[in-house]
Every structure is written in structure tokens, then in C-alpha cells.
């Protein structure tokens, strides 16, 4: 598994104002699955569908300049506490800009749970 600092934003029903996070995403060896904050996503080019809910999420690298949000998007982006130091270093900041960002504690992801779900669907 690869672990990378990434930006995740919920697309389904959000009109670019959905919840958004920056944190460590684990990517499967094949690149077909991404795991973040207790969720699993089937990944495609720039987007992923939540395995449990079917909701679409934008998943991308973190931009050094400006926000990752869509130009018309609003709302704070939450940064995982465990990724804060790397995020601040990437941006060249010594502290978080609290007008645009907040902090959260990412939940661990039970990858075995999602593997079992998919194997059950396939009849294995």
C-alpha cells in the first residue's frame, strides 16, 4: 500500500460545497482502491465512489498554491491532525490558516472489512 497526502471532497449532492479533507490516503497496490477516514473508494481518474454509500468524491493531490476546492466552492477544508506537519511544510506555513482550514482526527480504516464486503458481493 502506498500512503500519500491527498485532498478528498464529497461531490454527490454538494454543488462544490461538500465536506472536504486533507489527510493520508492509502492506495492499493493496483491503484483501484483508496482508503481514507474509515471509508473505501473505488478510484478512477480524479474521482472515487464510496464502496458503502455510492457517493462520488474528488480525490487528488494537495496543491501547494491556493485551495483545492472548485473555484466556486466554499467551506473550510479539514486537515487530519496526523498529516498537519506535512501539510504545513508543503504550504511553507508555520501554522494553519484557521479562516480556511480546520483540524480533525481521521478514523482508522478497516481494509479487511471492505475486502470481505467485495468478496461477498462476488460470491466468494
C-alpha atoms as a PDB file:
ATOM      1  CA  UNK A   1       0.000   0.000   0.000  1.00  0.00           C
ATOM      2  CA  UNK A   2       1.096   3.498  -0.783  1.00  0.00           C
ATOM      3  CA  UNK A   3       0.300   6.223   1.727  1.00  0.00           C
ATOM      4  CA  UNK A   4       0.003   9.728   0.287  1.00  0.00           C
ATOM      5  CA  UNK A   5      -1.146  13.126   1.456  1.00  0.00           C
ATOM      6  CA  UNK A   6      -4.256  13.871  -0.593  1.00  0.00           C
ATOM      7  CA  UNK A   7      -7.319  16.095  -0.917  1.00  0.00           C
ATOM      8  CA  UNK A   8     -10.787  14.497  -0.746  1.00  0.00           C
ATOM      9  CA  UNK A   9     -14.059  16.331  -1.393  1.00  0.00           C
ATOM     10  CA  UNK A  10     -17.562  14.889  -1.464  1.00  0.00           C
ATOM     11  CA  UNK A  11     -19.131  15.581  -4.872  1.00  0.00           C
ATOM     12  CA  UNK A  12     -22.514  13.862  -4.636  1.00  0.00           C
ATOM     13  CA  UNK A  13     -25.209  16.396  -3.773  1.00  0.00           C
ATOM     14  CA  UNK A  14     -22.746  19.064  -2.712  1.00  0.00           C
ATOM     15  CA  UNK A  15     -22.552  21.626  -5.547  1.00  0.00           C
ATOM     16  CA  UNK A  16     -18.840  22.158  -4.727  1.00  0.00           C
ATOM     17  CA  UNK A  17     -19.683  22.989  -1.105  1.00  0.00           C
ATOM     18  CA  UNK A  18     -19.436  19.470   0.276  1.00  0.00           C
ATOM     19  CA  UNK A  19     -17.226  18.392   3.120  1.00  0.00           C
ATOM     20  CA  UNK A  20     -13.547  18.373   2.221  1.00  0.00           C
ATOM     21  CA  UNK A  21     -10.497  16.873   3.889  1.00  0.00           C
ATOM     22  CA  UNK A  22      -6.731  16.700   3.569  1.00  0.00           C
ATOM     23  CA  UNK A  23      -5.097  13.645   5.032  1.00  0.00           C
ATOM     24  CA  UNK A  24      -3.253  10.431   4.411  1.00  0.00           C
ATOM     25  CA  UNK A  25      -4.892   8.130   1.873  1.00  0.00           C
ATOM     26  CA  UNK A  26      -3.776   4.536   1.489  1.00  0.00           C
ATOM     27  CA  UNK A  27      -3.835   3.372  -2.118  1.00  0.00           C
ATOM     28  CA  UNK A  28      -3.985  -0.298  -3.018  1.00  0.00           C
ATOM     29  CA  UNK A  29      -1.175  -1.931  -4.957  1.00  0.00           C
ATOM     30  CA  UNK A  30      -3.323  -1.968  -8.110  1.00  0.00           C
ATOM     31  CA  UNK A  31      -4.435   1.654  -7.636  1.00  0.00           C
ATOM     32  CA  UNK A  32      -8.098   0.631  -7.853  1.00  0.00           C
ATOM     33  CA  UNK A  33      -8.933   1.313  -4.217  1.00  0.00           C
ATOM     34  CA  UNK A  34      -8.275   4.258  -1.950  1.00  0.00           C
ATOM     35  CA  UNK A  35      -8.830   4.139   1.808  1.00  0.00           C
ATOM     36  CA  UNK A  36      -9.397   7.195   3.972  1.00  0.00           C
ATOM     37  CA  UNK A  37     -11.074   8.080   7.268  1.00  0.00           C
ATOM     38  CA  UNK A  38     -12.880   4.770   7.734  1.00  0.00           C
ATOM     39  CA  UNK A  39     -14.069   4.609   4.119  1.00  0.00           C
ATOM     40  CA  UNK A  40     -13.048   2.800   0.961  1.00  0.00           C
ATOM     41  CA  UNK A  41     -13.303   4.286  -2.517  1.00  0.00           C
ATOM     42  CA  UNK A  42     -13.144   2.604  -5.894  1.00  0.00           C
ATOM     43  CA  UNK A  43     -10.826   5.013  -7.618  1.00  0.00           C
ATOM     44  CA  UNK A  44     -10.843   6.372 -11.112  1.00  0.00           C
ATOM     45  CA  UNK A  45      -9.186   9.381 -12.716  1.00  0.00           C
ATOM     46  CA  UNK A  46      -9.609  12.098 -10.102  1.00  0.00           C
ATOM     47  CA  UNK A  47     -12.704  10.608  -8.527  1.00  0.00           C
ATOM     48  CA  UNK A  48     -13.731   7.743  -6.340  1.00  0.00           C
ATOM     49  CA  UNK A  49     -17.027   6.151  -5.431  1.00  0.00           C
ATOM     50  CA  UNK A  50     -17.572   5.264  -1.773  1.00  0.00           C
ATOM     51  CA  UNK A  51     -17.901   1.477  -1.556  1.00  0.00           C
ATOM     52  CA  UNK A  52     -20.614   1.694   1.133  1.00  0.00           C
ATOM     53  CA  UNK A  53     -22.736   4.680   0.056  1.00  0.00           C
ATOM     54  CA  UNK A  54     -22.022   5.010  -3.658  1.00  0.00           C
ATOM     55  CA  UNK A  55     -21.323   8.746  -3.221  1.00  0.00           C
ATOM     56  CA  UNK A  56     -18.757  10.291  -5.551  1.00  0.00           C
ATOM     57  CA  UNK A  57     -15.698  12.022  -4.115  1.00  0.00           C
ATOM     58  CA  UNK A  58     -12.994  14.081  -5.801  1.00  0.00           C
ATOM     59  CA  UNK A  59      -9.608  12.642  -4.784  1.00  0.00           C
ATOM     60  CA  UNK A  60      -6.424  14.429  -5.832  1.00  0.00           C
ATOM     61  CA  UNK A  61      -3.003  15.524  -4.718  1.00  0.00           C
ATOM     62  CA  UNK A  62      -2.719  18.556  -2.461  1.00  0.00           C
ATOM     63  CA  UNK A  63      -1.992  21.799  -4.300  1.00  0.00           C
ATOM     64  CA  UNK A  64       0.848  23.934  -2.965  1.00  0.00           C
ATOM     65  CA  UNK A  65      -0.752  27.179  -4.129  1.00  0.00           C
ATOM     66  CA  UNK A  66      -4.308  28.056  -3.179  1.00  0.00           C
ATOM     67  CA  UNK A  67      -7.193  25.848  -2.276  1.00  0.00           C
ATOM     68  CA  UNK A  68      -8.025  22.550  -3.856  1.00  0.00           C
ATOM     69  CA  UNK A  69     -11.698  23.452  -3.872  1.00  0.00           C
ATOM     70  CA  UNK A  70     -13.532  24.204  -7.090  1.00  0.00           C
ATOM     71  CA  UNK A  71     -13.344  27.906  -7.989  1.00  0.00           C
ATOM     72  CA  UNK A  72     -16.991  28.360  -6.907  1.00  0.00           C
ATOM     73  CA  UNK A  73     -16.727  26.141  -3.822  1.00  0.00           C
ATOM     74  CA  UNK A  74     -16.973  27.287  -0.228  1.00  0.00           C
ATOM     75  CA  UNK A  75     -16.389  25.965   3.229  1.00  0.00           C
ATOM     76  CA  UNK A  76     -13.460  25.009   5.399  1.00  0.00           C
ATOM     77  CA  UNK A  77     -11.198  22.151   4.451  1.00  0.00           C
ATOM     78  CA  UNK A  78     -10.439  19.863   7.375  1.00  0.00           C
ATOM     79  CA  UNK A  79      -6.851  18.691   7.811  1.00  0.00           C
ATOM     80  CA  UNK A  80      -6.130  15.460   9.632  1.00  0.00           C
ATOM     81  CA  UNK A  81      -4.056  16.039  12.762  1.00  0.00           C
ATOM     82  CA  UNK A  82      -1.657  13.238  11.798  1.00  0.00           C
ATOM     83  CA  UNK A  83      -0.977  14.955   8.438  1.00  0.00           C
ATOM     84  CA  UNK A  84      -0.739  18.532   9.725  1.00  0.00           C
ATOM     85  CA  UNK A  85       3.072  18.753   9.840  1.00  0.00           C
ATOM     86  CA  UNK A  86       3.458  17.532   6.245  1.00  0.00           C
ATOM     87  CA  UNK A  87       0.668  19.826   5.040  1.00  0.00           C
ATOM     88  CA  UNK A  88       2.216  22.885   6.721  1.00  0.00           C
ATOM     89  CA  UNK A  89       5.638  22.029   5.276  1.00  0.00           C
ATOM     90  CA  UNK A  90       4.131  21.623   1.789  1.00  0.00           C
ATOM     91  CA  UNK A  91       2.465  25.028   2.031  1.00  0.00           C
ATOM     92  CA  UNK A  92       5.508  26.671   3.648  1.00  0.00           C
ATOM     93  CA  UNK A  93       3.439  27.756   6.657  1.00  0.00           C
ATOM     94  CA  UNK A  94       4.302  27.704  10.345  1.00  0.00           C
ATOM     95  CA  UNK A  95       0.643  27.456  11.433  1.00  0.00           C
ATOM     96  CA  UNK A  96      -2.748  26.602   9.960  1.00  0.00           C
ATOM     97  CA  UNK A  97      -4.853  29.364   8.359  1.00  0.00           C
ATOM     98  CA  UNK A  98      -7.955  28.887  10.521  1.00  0.00           C
ATOM     99  CA  UNK A  99     -10.173  31.011   8.252  1.00  0.00           C
ATOM    100  CA  UNK A 100      -9.939  28.355   5.517  1.00  0.00           C
ATOM    101  CA  UNK A 101      -8.889  25.197   7.365  1.00  0.00           C
ATOM    102  CA  UNK A 102      -9.827  23.221  10.463  1.00  0.00           C
ATOM    103  CA  UNK A 103      -8.484  20.099  12.144  1.00  0.00           C
ATOM    104  CA  UNK A 104      -9.999  16.651  12.590  1.00  0.00           C
ATOM    105  CA  UNK A 105      -8.951  13.220  13.792  1.00  0.00           C
ATOM    106  CA  UNK A 106      -9.084  10.706  10.947  1.00  0.00           C
ATOM    107  CA  UNK A 107     -10.682   7.358  11.753  1.00  0.00           C
ATOM    108  CA  UNK A 108      -8.699   4.221  11.007  1.00  0.00           C
ATOM    109  CA  UNK A 109      -9.918   2.232   8.012  1.00  0.00           C
ATOM    110  CA  UNK A 110     -10.623  -1.481   8.388  1.00  0.00           C
ATOM    111  CA  UNK A 111      -9.399  -2.627   4.980  1.00  0.00           C
ATOM    112  CA  UNK A 112     -10.261  -6.274   5.750  1.00  0.00           C
ATOM    113  CA  UNK A 113     -13.911  -5.239   6.229  1.00  0.00           C
ATOM    114  CA  UNK A 114     -14.072  -3.782   2.728  1.00  0.00           C
ATOM    115  CA  UNK A 115     -12.271  -6.757   1.197  1.00  0.00           C
ATOM    116  CA  UNK A 116     -14.814  -9.069   2.858  1.00  0.00           C
ATOM    117  CA  UNK A 117     -17.701  -6.918   1.540  1.00  0.00           C
ATOM    118  CA  UNK A 118     -16.426  -7.136  -2.012  1.00  0.00           C
ATOM    119  CA  UNK A 119     -15.719 -10.860  -1.816  1.00  0.00           C
ATOM    120  CA  UNK A 120     -19.270 -11.437  -0.532  1.00  0.00           C
ATOM    121  CA  UNK A 121     -20.681  -9.473  -3.481  1.00  0.00           C
ATOM    122  CA  UNK A 122     -18.666 -11.593  -5.878  1.00  0.00           C
ATOM    123  CA  UNK A 123     -19.886 -14.802  -4.296  1.00  0.00           C
ATOM    124  CA  UNK A 124     -16.504 -15.956  -2.964  1.00  0.00           C
END
